[in-house]
Amino acid sequence: MSLVEVTDLSVEFGALRAVDQLSFSLAEGGALALVGESGSGKSTVAGALLGLHRGTGARVAGSVRVAGTDVRAATEQELRRLRGAKAAMVFQDPLSSLDPYYAIGDQIAEV
């Protein structure tokens, strides 16, 4: 069973299509890298995995399942249970998210 299953994910901001029919799966215990130049949609994909585009005006299409939760159909309460418990995101500015004086593993375990 996949921990993350994304099928035909598209995300649009107005006339700009930031992600165009992306599909991938990630097995529990596996690793996946999204690699691309600045502006290629990596953070947009990560936001879609946690349902962070709700209420922003972004149009999200396709299927996104994380830890058995259909992110696009989930209620706000279901998303709150998913975020932090099963999935989390460290945003692009690591110094605002992580303390350089402590080991990363300790900081993530604390959450």
Protein backbone atom coordinates (compact mmCIF):
# COMPACT_ATOMS: atom_id res chain seq x y z
CA MET A 1 0.00 0.00 0.00
CA SER A 2 1.23 3.49 -0.84
CA LEU A 3 1.65 6.13 1.83
CA VAL A 4 1.20 8.84 -0.83
CA GLU A 5 -0.69 8.34 -4.09
CA VAL A 6 -1.01 11.24 -6.54
CA THR A 7 -2.81 10.77 -9.86
CA ASP A 8 -3.13 13.43 -12.58
CA LEU A 9 -2.56 16.33 -10.18
CA SER A 10 -2.99 19.74 -11.80
CA VAL A 11 -2.90 23.06 -9.97
CA GLU A 12 -3.79 26.37 -11.60
CA PHE A 13 -3.49 29.91 -10.28
CA GLY A 14 -5.64 31.99 -12.63
CA ALA A 15 -4.32 31.42 -16.15
CA LEU A 16 -1.06 29.90 -14.86
CA ARG A 17 -0.89 26.12 -14.70
CA ALA A 18 1.79 25.46 -12.07
CA VAL A 19 1.43 21.65 -12.09
CA ASP A 20 0.21 19.68 -15.12
CA GLN A 21 -1.07 16.12 -14.59
CA LEU A 22 1.60 14.88 -12.20
CA SER A 23 1.34 11.28 -10.97
CA PHE A 24 3.51 9.41 -8.47
CA SER A 25 3.29 7.07 -5.51
CA LEU A 26 5.43 6.70 -2.42
CA ALA A 27 5.51 3.50 -0.40
CA GLU A 28 5.77 3.63 3.38
CA GLY A 29 9.47 3.78 4.29
CA GLY A 30 10.34 4.93 0.77
CA ALA A 31 11.92 8.16 -0.40
CA LEU A 32 10.98 10.54 -3.20
CA ALA A 33 12.67 13.68 -4.45
CA LEU A 34 10.93 16.42 -6.40
CA VAL A 35 13.66 18.22 -8.30
CA GLY A 36 13.33 21.23 -10.53
CA GLU A 37 14.32 24.81 -11.06
CA SER A 38 12.84 27.66 -9.08
CA GLY A 39 9.19 28.14 -10.02
CA SER A 40 8.73 24.64 -11.41
CA GLY A 41 5.93 23.70 -8.97
CA LYS A 42 7.69 21.70 -6.23
CA SER A 43 6.19 23.71 -3.37
CA THR A 44 2.82 23.76 -5.12
CA VAL A 45 2.83 19.95 -5.15
CA ALA A 46 3.82 19.81 -1.48
CA GLY A 47 1.00 22.21 -0.61
CA ALA A 48 -1.48 20.05 -2.49
CA LEU A 49 -0.42 17.01 -0.45
CA LEU A 50 -1.54 18.79 2.73
CA GLY A 51 -4.58 20.57 1.29
CA LEU A 52 -2.96 23.98 1.75
CA HIS A 53 -4.45 25.46 -1.43
CA ARG A 54 -8.00 25.53 -0.05
CA GLY A 55 -9.45 29.00 0.03
CA THR A 56 -6.59 30.50 -1.99
CA GLY A 57 -8.36 30.63 -5.34
CA ALA A 58 -6.14 27.89 -6.75
CA ARG A 59 -7.88 25.25 -8.85
CA VAL A 60 -6.73 21.74 -7.91
CA ALA A 61 -7.66 18.71 -10.02
CA GLY A 62 -6.73 15.05 -9.86
CA SER A 63 -6.47 12.64 -6.97
CA VAL A 64 -4.32 13.12 -3.86
CA ARG A 65 -4.27 10.49 -1.11
CA VAL A 66 -1.96 10.73 1.90
CA ALA A 67 -1.96 8.04 4.61
CA GLY A 68 -5.34 6.81 3.38
CA THR A 69 -6.93 10.27 3.40
CA ASP A 70 -8.41 11.70 0.20
CA VAL A 71 -6.99 15.20 0.66
CA ARG A 72 -9.29 16.87 -1.86
CA ALA A 73 -12.47 15.40 -0.29
CA ALA A 74 -11.37 15.58 3.36
CA THR A 75 -13.08 17.85 5.85
CA GLU A 76 -11.06 20.49 7.69
CA GLN A 77 -11.13 18.27 10.79
CA GLU A 78 -9.75 15.30 8.80
CA LEU A 79 -6.99 17.52 7.38
CA ARG A 80 -6.05 18.72 10.87
CA ARG A 81 -5.71 15.08 12.00
CA LEU A 82 -3.52 14.35 8.95
CA ARG A 83 -1.27 17.39 9.32
CA GLY A 84 1.42 16.87 11.90
CA ALA A 85 0.31 13.34 12.81
CA LYS A 86 0.99 11.68 9.45
CA ALA A 87 2.38 14.42 7.21
CA ALA A 88 4.15 17.73 7.73
CA MET A 89 6.06 20.30 5.72
CA VAL A 90 9.18 22.33 6.40
CA PHE A 91 8.76 25.49 4.36
CA GLN A 92 11.44 26.90 2.06
CA ASP A 93 13.09 29.17 4.60
CA PRO A 94 14.57 26.57 6.96
CA LEU A 95 15.84 29.18 9.44
CA SER A 96 12.26 30.25 10.15
CA SER A 97 11.21 26.61 10.60
CA LEU A 98 14.28 24.96 12.13
CA ASP A 99 16.72 26.05 14.83
CA PRO A 100 20.32 25.63 13.63
CA TYR A 101 21.48 24.99 17.21
CA TYR A 102 19.56 21.69 17.49
CA ALA A 103 19.75 18.49 15.45
CA ILE A 104 17.06 18.28 12.74
CA GLY A 105 16.00 14.81 13.89
CA ASP A 106 15.40 16.08 17.44
CA GLN A 107 13.31 18.99 16.15
CA ILE A 108 11.17 16.77 13.93
CA ALA A 109 10.70 14.22 16.72
CA GLU A 110 9.57 17.03 19.05
CA VAL A 111 6.67 17.88 16.74
